[in-house]
Amino acid sequence: MRTVLANATPAQRAGVLSVLFVIAYVAMGLPAVVAGWATARTGNLTAVAYGFGAAVLALALMAWRVSASSSSDAELRVLE
């Protein structure tokens, strides 16, 4: 939050924080709604859990890959 609010003027801070919180709530709530819908639709909680586990694993690997590449780029810039 500190990084986001540093670029906002005092008059914009409330709006910036409200957008940040809406994005956070949607990011946490939407997967739960989708999981509930998929479980109700298929009736197979185990398959939905494995599917969501696979999605979380894929997203974590993508984040790790991006983080690793950006940190190596930063190290290269420091060494130059």
N, C-alpha and C. Protein backbone atom coordinates (compact mmCIF):
# COMPACT_ATOMS: atom_id res chain seq x y z
N MET A 1 0.82 -1.19 0.00
CA MET A 1 0.00 0.00 0.00
C MET A 1 0.86 1.25 0.00
N ARG A 2 1.95 1.18 0.70
CA ARG A 2 2.80 2.35 0.78
C ARG A 2 3.32 2.75 -0.60
N THR A 3 3.64 1.76 -1.42
CA THR A 3 4.14 2.05 -2.77
C THR A 3 3.06 2.69 -3.62
N VAL A 4 1.85 2.20 -3.51
CA VAL A 4 0.75 2.74 -4.32
C VAL A 4 0.38 4.14 -3.84
N LEU A 5 0.32 4.32 -2.54
CA LEU A 5 -0.10 5.62 -2.00
C LEU A 5 0.97 6.69 -2.16
N ALA A 6 2.22 6.29 -2.34
CA ALA A 6 3.28 7.28 -2.50
C ALA A 6 3.08 8.13 -3.75
N ASN A 7 2.47 7.57 -4.77
CA ASN A 7 2.25 8.29 -6.02
C ASN A 7 0.93 9.04 -6.06
N ALA A 8 0.09 8.87 -5.05
CA ALA A 8 -1.22 9.53 -5.04
C ALA A 8 -1.16 10.81 -4.21
N THR A 9 -1.91 11.78 -4.67
CA THR A 9 -2.02 13.02 -3.89
C THR A 9 -2.95 12.76 -2.71
N PRO A 10 -2.90 13.60 -1.69
CA PRO A 10 -3.80 13.39 -0.54
C PRO A 10 -5.27 13.34 -0.94
N ALA A 11 -5.67 14.08 -1.95
CA ALA A 11 -7.07 14.07 -2.38
C ALA A 11 -7.44 12.78 -3.10
N GLN A 12 -6.46 12.06 -3.62
CA GLN A 12 -6.72 10.82 -4.37
C GLN A 12 -6.60 9.57 -3.52
N ARG A 13 -6.09 9.68 -2.31
CA ARG A 13 -5.78 8.49 -1.52
C ARG A 13 -7.00 7.63 -1.20
N ALA A 14 -8.11 8.23 -0.89
CA ALA A 14 -9.31 7.45 -0.56
C ALA A 14 -9.76 6.64 -1.77
N GLY A 15 -9.76 7.27 -2.93
CA GLY A 15 -10.16 6.56 -4.14
C GLY A 15 -9.21 5.45 -4.51
N VAL A 16 -7.92 5.70 -4.35
CA VAL A 16 -6.91 4.68 -4.66
C VAL A 16 -7.05 3.50 -3.71
N LEU A 17 -7.23 3.77 -2.43
CA LEU A 17 -7.40 2.69 -1.46
C LEU A 17 -8.68 1.89 -1.71
N SER A 18 -9.75 2.56 -2.09
CA SER A 18 -11.00 1.83 -2.34
C SER A 18 -10.85 0.92 -3.55
N VAL A 19 -10.17 1.36 -4.58
CA VAL A 19 -9.93 0.50 -5.75
C VAL A 19 -9.04 -0.67 -5.36
N LEU A 20 -8.02 -0.41 -4.56
CA LEU A 20 -7.13 -1.48 -4.11
C LEU A 20 -7.88 -2.54 -3.31
N PHE A 21 -8.76 -2.11 -2.41
CA PHE A 21 -9.53 -3.06 -1.61
C PHE A 21 -10.55 -3.82 -2.45
N VAL A 22 -11.18 -3.17 -3.41
CA VAL A 22 -12.13 -3.87 -4.29
C VAL A 22 -11.40 -4.95 -5.08
N ILE A 23 -10.24 -4.63 -5.61
CA ILE A 23 -9.46 -5.63 -6.35
C ILE A 23 -9.08 -6.80 -5.44
N ALA A 24 -8.67 -6.50 -4.22
CA ALA A 24 -8.29 -7.56 -3.28
C ALA A 24 -9.48 -8.45 -2.92
N TYR A 25 -10.63 -7.86 -2.66
CA TYR A 25 -11.81 -8.65 -2.31
C TYR A 25 -12.28 -9.50 -3.48
N VAL A 26 -12.26 -8.96 -4.68
CA VAL A 26 -12.65 -9.74 -5.86
C VAL A 26 -11.65 -10.87 -6.09
N ALA A 27 -10.37 -10.59 -5.91
CA ALA A 27 -9.34 -11.61 -6.12
C ALA A 27 -9.48 -12.76 -5.13
N MET A 28 -9.97 -12.48 -3.93
CA MET A 28 -10.16 -13.55 -2.94
C MET A 28 -11.54 -14.19 -3.04
N GLY A 29 -12.54 -13.42 -3.39
CA GLY A 29 -13.90 -13.93 -3.40
C GLY A 29 -14.29 -14.66 -4.66
N LEU A 30 -13.82 -14.21 -5.80
CA LEU A 30 -14.21 -14.83 -7.06
C LEU A 30 -13.80 -16.30 -7.16
N PRO A 31 -12.59 -16.68 -6.77
CA PRO A 31 -12.26 -18.12 -6.82
C PRO A 31 -13.16 -18.97 -5.92
N ALA A 32 -13.57 -18.45 -4.78
CA ALA A 32 -14.46 -19.20 -3.90
C ALA A 32 -15.83 -19.38 -4.54
N VAL A 33 -16.33 -18.34 -5.20
CA VAL A 33 -17.62 -18.44 -5.88
C VAL A 33 -17.54 -19.43 -7.04
N VAL A 34 -16.45 -19.36 -7.80
CA VAL A 34 -16.27 -20.29 -8.92
C VAL A 34 -16.15 -21.73 -8.41
N ALA A 35 -15.43 -21.94 -7.32
CA ALA A 35 -15.31 -23.29 -6.75
C ALA A 35 -16.67 -23.80 -6.29
N GLY A 36 -17.45 -22.96 -5.66
CA GLY A 36 -18.78 -23.38 -5.23
C GLY A 36 -19.68 -23.70 -6.41
N TRP A 37 -19.61 -22.87 -7.44
CA TRP A 37 -20.40 -23.14 -8.64
C TRP A 37 -19.97 -24.44 -9.30
N ALA A 38 -18.65 -24.65 -9.43
CA ALA A 38 -18.16 -25.87 -10.08
C ALA A 38 -18.51 -27.11 -9.28
N THR A 39 -18.46 -27.01 -7.97
CA THR A 39 -18.82 -28.16 -7.13
C THR A 39 -20.30 -28.45 -7.24
N ALA A 40 -21.13 -27.42 -7.23
CA ALA A 40 -22.57 -27.62 -7.37
C ALA A 40 -22.91 -28.18 -8.74
N ARG A 41 -22.21 -27.74 -9.75
CA ARG A 41 -22.50 -28.17 -11.13
C ARG A 41 -22.06 -29.62 -11.37
N THR A 42 -20.85 -29.96 -10.89
CA THR A 42 -20.32 -31.30 -11.14
C THR A 42 -20.63 -32.27 -10.01
N GLY A 43 -20.75 -31.78 -8.79
CA GLY A 43 -20.97 -32.66 -7.65
C GLY A 43 -19.71 -33.39 -7.21
N ASN A 44 -18.57 -33.02 -7.77
CA ASN A 44 -17.33 -33.72 -7.47
C ASN A 44 -16.35 -32.74 -6.80
N LEU A 45 -16.39 -32.69 -5.50
CA LEU A 45 -15.55 -31.78 -4.75
C LEU A 45 -14.07 -32.10 -4.92
N THR A 46 -13.75 -33.38 -4.99
CA THR A 46 -12.34 -33.78 -5.12
C THR A 46 -11.76 -33.27 -6.44
N ALA A 47 -12.49 -33.43 -7.52
CA ALA A 47 -11.99 -32.96 -8.82
C ALA A 47 -11.83 -31.44 -8.84
N VAL A 48 -12.77 -30.74 -8.24
CA VAL A 48 -12.68 -29.27 -8.18
C VAL A 48 -11.48 -28.86 -7.34
N ALA A 49 -11.25 -29.55 -6.23
CA ALA A 49 -10.10 -29.23 -5.38
C ALA A 49 -8.79 -29.48 -6.12
N TYR A 50 -8.69 -30.59 -6.84
CA TYR A 50 -7.48 -30.85 -7.62
C TYR A 50 -7.30 -29.81 -8.72
N GLY A 51 -8.38 -29.42 -9.36
CA GLY A 51 -8.31 -28.40 -10.40
C GLY A 51 -7.83 -27.07 -9.86
N PHE A 52 -8.39 -26.67 -8.72
CA PHE A 52 -7.95 -25.42 -8.12
C PHE A 52 -6.52 -25.51 -7.62
N GLY A 53 -6.14 -26.66 -7.08
CA GLY A 53 -4.76 -26.86 -6.66
C GLY A 53 -3.79 -26.74 -7.83
N ALA A 54 -4.17 -27.31 -8.96
CA ALA A 54 -3.33 -27.22 -10.16
C ALA A 54 -3.24 -25.77 -10.64
N ALA A 55 -4.34 -25.06 -10.57
CA ALA A 55 -4.33 -23.65 -11.00
C ALA A 55 -3.45 -22.81 -10.07
N VAL A 56 -3.53 -23.04 -8.78
CA VAL A 56 -2.70 -22.31 -7.83
C VAL A 56 -1.23 -22.63 -8.05
N LEU A 57 -0.92 -23.90 -8.28
CA LEU A 57 0.46 -24.29 -8.55
C LEU A 57 0.98 -23.63 -9.83
N ALA A 58 0.18 -23.60 -10.87
CA ALA A 58 0.59 -22.98 -12.13
C ALA A 58 0.82 -21.48 -11.93
N LEU A 59 -0.07 -20.82 -11.21
CA LEU A 59 0.10 -19.38 -10.96
C LEU A 59 1.34 -19.10 -10.10
N ALA A 60 1.60 -19.97 -9.12
CA ALA A 60 2.78 -19.80 -8.27
C ALA A 60 4.06 -19.98 -9.09
N LEU A 61 4.07 -20.96 -9.97
CA LEU A 61 5.24 -21.17 -10.82
C LEU A 61 5.46 -20.00 -11.77
N MET A 62 4.37 -19.46 -12.31
CA MET A 62 4.50 -18.30 -13.19
C MET A 62 5.04 -17.09 -12.42
N ALA A 63 4.55 -16.88 -11.21
CA ALA A 63 5.02 -15.76 -10.39
C ALA A 63 6.49 -15.94 -10.03
N TRP A 64 6.88 -17.17 -9.71
CA TRP A 64 8.27 -17.45 -9.39
C TRP A 64 9.16 -17.19 -10.59
N ARG A 65 8.69 -17.60 -11.76
CA ARG A 65 9.48 -17.41 -12.99
C ARG A 65 9.66 -15.92 -13.29
N VAL A 66 8.59 -15.16 -13.17
CA VAL A 66 8.68 -13.71 -13.42
C VAL A 66 9.59 -13.05 -12.38
N SER A 67 9.44 -13.47 -11.13
CA SER A 67 10.27 -12.90 -10.07
C SER A 67 11.74 -13.24 -10.29
N ALA A 68 12.03 -14.45 -10.69
CA ALA A 68 13.42 -14.86 -10.91
C ALA A 68 14.02 -14.10 -12.08
N SER A 69 13.25 -13.90 -13.13
CA SER A 69 13.79 -13.19 -14.29
C SER A 69 13.96 -11.70 -14.00
N SER A 70 13.05 -11.11 -13.24
CA SER A 70 13.18 -9.69 -12.94
C SER A 70 14.30 -9.44 -11.95
N SER A 71 14.53 -10.37 -11.02
CA SER A 71 15.63 -10.17 -10.07
C SER A 71 16.97 -10.36 -10.76
N SER A 72 17.06 -11.27 -11.72
CA SER A 72 18.33 -11.43 -12.44
C SER A 72 18.59 -10.23 -13.33
N ASP A 73 17.54 -9.63 -13.89
CA ASP A 73 17.71 -8.41 -14.68
C ASP A 73 18.21 -7.26 -13.80
N ALA A 74 17.68 -7.19 -12.59
CA ALA A 74 18.09 -6.14 -11.66
C ALA A 74 19.55 -6.34 -11.25
N GLU A 75 19.95 -7.59 -11.05
CA GLU A 75 21.34 -7.86 -10.70
C GLU A 75 22.26 -7.47 -11.84
N LEU A 76 21.83 -7.74 -13.08
CA LEU A 76 22.65 -7.39 -14.23
C LEU A 76 22.82 -5.88 -14.33
N ARG A 77 21.74 -5.12 -14.04
CA ARG A 77 21.83 -3.68 -14.11
C ARG A 77 22.75 -3.14 -13.04
N VAL A 78 22.78 -3.77 -11.86
CA VAL A 78 23.65 -3.32 -10.78
C VAL A 78 25.10 -3.59 -11.16
N LEU A 79 25.36 -4.72 -11.81
CA LEU A 79 26.73 -5.08 -12.16
C LEU A 79 27.29 -4.23 -13.29
N GLU A 80 26.45 -3.62 -14.08
CA GLU A 80 26.93 -2.82 -15.22
C GLU A 80 27.53 -1.55 -14.80
